[in-house]
Amino acid sequence: MKPYFIYLAVWVPLVCQAQNSRESTVPPNPGTSAIKTRPTPRRKSRSDLVRQRSELQRNYFKRHHSSYNNGGHLALITGIWIPTGAIRQVGAHPEIGFQLGGKRNGFEIDFSMIFKFLESPNYYPAMIMDSPGLTRHFFGGYIGIDFRKDFFHRGANEMSLLGGVGLDGWDVARPNIRTRSVLTHNFNIGLGYRHYNSSRSYFGINVKYNFVDYTVGHVVDFTGNPVTIHLTLGGLF
């Protein structure tokens, strides 16, 4: 019996040691470990969602703003020509026209052609066939080169400094009457606003103050600096 007890005393500790070693080498269950250590996500509040959406919109327009800054440009223009000073007697007149040019890195240059029309509400003095007379006829326009420089943009909204140089004037008599027309230089400055959409088109408004001298040519003997307010519908291509 003694050898049997010696055998058990040696064999049993060896078996237990081997069992413990095998259990220590088994990797833990990754799913169980992850479930125990994973933190519970915090539910976002309404203000967090609004803030996240606003941030996404800002990032979108910031990332795509270069597309609004580069390309050819075409716009239709409608608005009103508002005289100041002595030329108020010819009255305000509607305007319609277009711009064609290009834009790059926030700077735009355009060729502009704008017509103003409708008879004057009042008779005004003018030289007709080299003789003084009274007329209500009024049809003219502006042709020139206009400039635009962006100074502010947020999202799809943009504001710009405006400037331009060109020729301005109108006819004081119908085309079948041979007479001279009012014609002068025009230097203008102003502010512009545009709201873009995802297709690179926009609508906007331009307000300009025009420096002119309608007495050049001696067709009329009064002048003043008109204000123009234009609504624009255009886009980049």
Protein backbone atom coordinates (compact mmCIF):
# COMPACT_ATOMS: atom_id res chain seq x y z
CA MET A 1 0.00 0.00 0.00
CA LYS A 2 2.82 2.38 0.63
CA PRO A 3 3.92 2.60 -3.04
CA TYR A 4 0.27 3.38 -3.97
CA PHE A 5 0.16 6.38 -1.64
CA ILE A 6 3.51 7.59 -2.93
CA TYR A 7 2.10 7.38 -6.48
CA LEU A 8 -0.98 9.48 -5.58
CA ALA A 9 1.11 12.05 -3.75
CA VAL A 10 3.20 12.62 -6.87
CA TRP A 11 0.51 12.30 -9.61
CA VAL A 12 -2.36 14.39 -8.19
CA PRO A 13 -0.35 17.66 -7.83
CA LEU A 14 0.96 17.28 -11.39
CA VAL A 15 -2.57 16.85 -12.81
CA CYS A 16 -3.88 19.90 -10.91
CA GLN A 17 -0.96 22.02 -12.07
CA ALA A 18 -1.56 21.08 -15.72
CA GLN A 19 -5.28 21.91 -15.43
CA ASN A 20 -4.57 25.35 -13.93
CA SER A 21 -2.02 26.10 -16.66
CA ARG A 22 -4.51 25.26 -19.44
CA GLU A 23 -7.22 27.47 -17.95
CA SER A 24 -4.84 30.42 -17.69
CA THR A 25 -4.04 30.23 -21.42
CA VAL A 26 -7.69 30.40 -22.57
CA PRO A 27 -8.37 33.99 -23.91
CA PRO A 28 -11.30 35.88 -22.42
CA ASN A 29 -14.54 36.17 -24.39
CA PRO A 30 -14.17 39.44 -26.39
CA GLY A 31 -17.90 40.01 -26.57
CA THR A 32 -18.33 39.72 -22.81
CA SER A 33 -15.37 42.00 -22.13
CA ALA A 34 -16.57 44.63 -24.61
CA ILE A 35 -20.05 44.62 -23.14
CA LYS A 36 -18.71 45.17 -19.65
CA THR A 37 -16.34 48.04 -20.58
CA ARG A 38 -18.31 49.86 -23.31
CA PRO A 39 -19.61 53.23 -22.02
CA THR A 40 -23.27 54.10 -22.45
CA PRO A 41 -23.64 56.75 -25.21
CA ARG A 42 -25.13 60.11 -24.20
CA ARG A 43 -28.38 60.96 -25.96
CA LYS A 44 -27.99 64.20 -27.96
CA SER A 45 -30.26 67.08 -27.02
CA ARG A 46 -32.20 69.18 -29.55
CA SER A 47 -29.68 72.02 -29.22
CA ASP A 48 -26.84 69.57 -29.97
CA LEU A 49 -28.61 68.41 -33.15
CA VAL A 50 -29.25 71.99 -34.31
CA ARG A 51 -25.62 72.90 -33.62
CA GLN A 52 -24.41 69.83 -35.53
CA ARG A 53 -26.64 70.63 -38.53
CA SER A 54 -25.43 74.25 -38.60
CA GLU A 55 -21.83 73.07 -38.45
CA LEU A 56 -22.42 70.66 -41.34
CA GLN A 57 -23.94 73.46 -43.43
CA ARG A 58 -21.04 75.81 -42.68
CA ASN A 59 -18.53 73.11 -43.59
CA TYR A 60 -20.39 72.33 -46.81
CA PHE A 61 -20.45 75.91 -48.06
CA LYS A 62 -16.90 76.49 -46.88
CA ARG A 63 -15.74 73.42 -48.78
CA HIS A 64 -17.69 74.37 -51.91
CA HIS A 65 -17.27 78.16 -51.72
CA SER A 66 -14.46 78.00 -54.27
CA SER A 67 -17.05 76.83 -56.81
CA TYR A 68 -18.94 80.09 -56.22
CA ASN A 69 -15.72 82.07 -56.68
CA ASN A 70 -14.61 80.83 -60.09
CA GLY A 71 -16.14 80.69 -63.53
CA GLY A 72 -17.88 82.67 -66.22
CA HIS A 73 -20.71 84.92 -65.11
CA LEU A 74 -24.05 85.85 -66.66
CA ALA A 75 -26.85 87.84 -65.01
CA LEU A 76 -30.13 89.48 -65.93
CA ILE A 77 -30.81 92.87 -64.33
CA THR A 78 -33.96 94.78 -63.57
CA GLY A 79 -34.37 97.80 -61.35
CA ILE A 80 -34.93 101.51 -61.13
CA TRP A 81 -32.94 104.65 -61.95
CA ILE A 82 -33.61 107.34 -59.32
CA PRO A 83 -32.40 110.88 -60.19
CA THR A 84 -31.21 113.32 -57.55
CA GLY A 85 -30.54 117.04 -57.70
CA ALA A 86 -31.74 119.05 -60.68
CA ILE A 87 -32.39 116.00 -62.86
CA ARG A 88 -35.27 114.96 -60.61
CA GLN A 89 -37.54 116.76 -63.07
CA VAL A 90 -37.10 113.91 -65.57
CA GLY A 91 -38.44 111.44 -62.99
CA ALA A 92 -37.46 107.92 -62.02
CA HIS A 93 -37.30 105.28 -64.75
CA PRO A 94 -37.28 101.47 -64.83
CA GLU A 95 -34.17 99.68 -66.08
CA ILE A 96 -33.46 96.30 -67.62
CA GLY A 97 -30.24 94.77 -68.89
CA PHE A 98 -27.60 92.10 -68.51
CA GLN A 99 -24.03 91.46 -67.39
CA LEU A 100 -21.49 89.07 -68.91
CA GLY A 101 -18.03 88.40 -67.53
CA GLY A 102 -16.11 86.19 -65.17
CA LYS A 103 -15.18 85.70 -61.54
CA ARG A 104 -12.09 84.31 -59.84
CA ASN A 105 -11.08 84.19 -56.18
CA GLY A 106 -13.71 86.69 -55.10
CA PHE A 107 -13.02 89.27 -57.83
CA GLU A 108 -15.43 89.75 -60.72
CA ILE A 109 -15.33 91.85 -63.86
CA ASP A 110 -18.32 92.23 -66.20
CA PHE A 111 -19.43 93.95 -69.34
CA SER A 112 -22.76 95.64 -68.53
CA MET A 113 -25.49 96.95 -70.79
CA ILE A 114 -28.57 98.47 -69.13
CA PHE A 115 -31.50 100.32 -70.72
CA LYS A 116 -33.77 102.89 -69.05
CA PHE A 117 -37.08 103.78 -70.61
CA LEU A 118 -40.61 105.26 -70.33
CA GLU A 119 -41.45 108.91 -70.95
CA SER A 120 -40.70 111.52 -68.35
CA PRO A 121 -43.68 112.45 -66.15
CA ASN A 122 -42.81 116.13 -66.71
CA TYR A 123 -41.74 118.26 -69.67
CA TYR A 124 -38.12 119.30 -69.36
CA PRO A 125 -36.02 121.76 -71.42
CA ALA A 126 -33.57 120.37 -73.97
CA MET A 127 -31.90 121.29 -77.23
CA ILE A 128 -33.93 119.71 -80.02
CA MET A 129 -32.64 120.14 -83.59
CA ASP A 130 -30.22 122.76 -82.21
CA SER A 131 -33.11 124.83 -80.82
CA PRO A 132 -34.40 125.10 -77.24
CA GLY A 133 -37.56 123.15 -76.65
CA LEU A 134 -39.56 121.05 -74.22
CA THR A 135 -39.82 117.28 -74.33
CA ARG A 136 -41.00 114.30 -72.36
CA HIS A 137 -39.13 111.74 -74.45
CA PHE A 138 -36.71 109.60 -72.49
CA PHE A 139 -34.92 106.48 -73.66
CA GLY A 140 -31.33 105.79 -72.72
CA GLY A 141 -28.94 103.49 -71.01
CA TYR A 142 -25.59 102.64 -69.51
CA ILE A 143 -22.78 100.66 -71.10
CA GLY A 144 -19.58 99.98 -69.22
CA ILE A 145 -17.24 97.72 -67.30
CA ASP A 146 -18.25 96.85 -63.75
CA PHE A 147 -16.14 95.39 -60.96
CA ARG A 148 -17.05 93.40 -57.88
CA LYS A 149 -14.92 92.38 -54.88
CA ASP A 150 -16.29 90.09 -52.18
CA PHE A 151 -15.55 91.14 -48.61
CA PHE A 152 -17.93 88.94 -46.61
CA HIS A 153 -19.46 85.51 -47.03
CA ARG A 154 -21.26 83.21 -44.63
CA GLY A 155 -22.80 80.03 -45.91
CA ALA A 156 -24.57 80.83 -49.18
CA ASN A 157 -24.67 84.58 -48.51
CA GLU A 158 -22.17 87.02 -49.97
CA MET A 159 -21.59 90.78 -49.81
CA SER A 160 -19.38 92.77 -52.15
CA LEU A 161 -17.96 96.18 -52.95
CA LEU A 162 -19.05 97.43 -56.37
CA GLY A 163 -17.50 99.81 -58.84
CA GLY A 164 -17.71 100.65 -62.51
CA VAL A 165 -16.92 103.03 -65.33
CA GLY A 166 -18.84 103.62 -68.54
CA LEU A 167 -21.03 105.87 -70.69
CA ASP A 168 -24.47 107.05 -69.62
CA GLY A 169 -27.18 109.11 -71.29
CA TRP A 170 -30.54 109.23 -73.04
CA ASP A 171 -32.31 110.48 -76.16
CA VAL A 172 -34.39 113.64 -75.79
CA ALA A 173 -36.35 113.08 -79.03
CA ARG A 174 -37.61 110.21 -81.15
CA PRO A 175 -35.18 108.55 -83.58
CA ASN A 176 -36.81 110.16 -86.63
CA ILE A 177 -35.91 113.61 -85.27
CA ARG A 178 -32.28 114.42 -85.88
CA THR A 179 -30.88 115.78 -82.67
CA ARG A 180 -28.08 115.16 -80.26
CA SER A 181 -28.40 112.90 -77.24
CA VAL A 182 -27.41 113.45 -73.63
CA LEU A 183 -24.14 111.56 -73.18
CA THR A 184 -21.65 111.60 -70.33
CA HIS A 185 -19.16 109.53 -68.37
CA ASN A 186 -20.34 107.45 -65.44
CA PHE A 187 -18.21 106.46 -62.45
CA ASN A 188 -20.16 104.43 -59.91
CA ILE A 189 -19.64 102.77 -56.53
CA GLY A 190 -21.90 100.72 -54.30
CA LEU A 191 -22.68 97.57 -52.35
CA GLY A 192 -24.01 94.23 -53.54
CA TYR A 193 -25.57 91.17 -51.94
CA ARG A 194 -26.05 87.66 -53.36
CA HIS A 195 -27.63 84.48 -52.10
CA TYR A 196 -26.38 81.35 -53.85
CA ASN A 197 -28.01 77.95 -54.14
CA SER A 198 -26.46 74.55 -54.78
CA SER A 199 -26.63 74.90 -58.58
CA ARG A 200 -24.27 77.93 -58.61
CA SER A 201 -27.09 80.29 -59.50
CA TYR A 202 -28.07 83.21 -57.31
CA PHE A 203 -30.38 86.13 -56.78
CA GLY A 204 -29.10 89.44 -55.49
CA ILE A 205 -29.46 93.17 -55.12
CA ASN A 206 -27.04 95.97 -56.07
CA VAL A 207 -27.25 99.58 -54.90
CA LYS A 208 -25.02 102.14 -56.63
CA TYR A 209 -24.35 105.86 -56.55
CA ASN A 210 -23.42 107.22 -60.00
CA PHE A 211 -21.15 110.22 -60.61
CA VAL A 212 -22.16 111.89 -63.89
CA ASP A 213 -22.35 115.27 -65.62
CA TYR A 214 -25.31 115.39 -68.00
CA THR A 215 -24.50 118.97 -69.05
CA VAL A 216 -21.64 117.63 -71.22
CA GLY A 217 -22.70 118.20 -74.83
CA HIS A 218 -25.04 121.08 -73.87
CA VAL A 219 -28.20 119.15 -74.70
CA VAL A 220 -29.60 119.80 -71.22
CA ASP A 221 -28.36 122.37 -68.73
CA PHE A 222 -29.09 120.45 -65.51
CA THR A 223 -27.44 117.49 -63.88
CA GLY A 224 -27.34 115.39 -60.73
CA ASN A 225 -26.01 112.06 -59.51
CA PRO A 226 -28.60 109.25 -59.81
CA VAL A 227 -28.97 106.23 -57.56
CA THR A 228 -29.62 102.83 -59.13
CA ILE A 229 -31.19 99.85 -57.38
CA HIS A 230 -30.94 96.59 -59.31
CA LEU A 231 -32.28 93.11 -58.69
CA THR A 232 -30.12 90.45 -60.31
CA LEU A 233 -30.71 86.84 -61.28
CA GLY A 234 -27.64 85.05 -62.52
CA GLY A 235 -25.06 82.38 -62.08
CA LEU A 236 -21.57 81.10 -62.73
CA PHE A 237 -20.77 78.62 -65.47
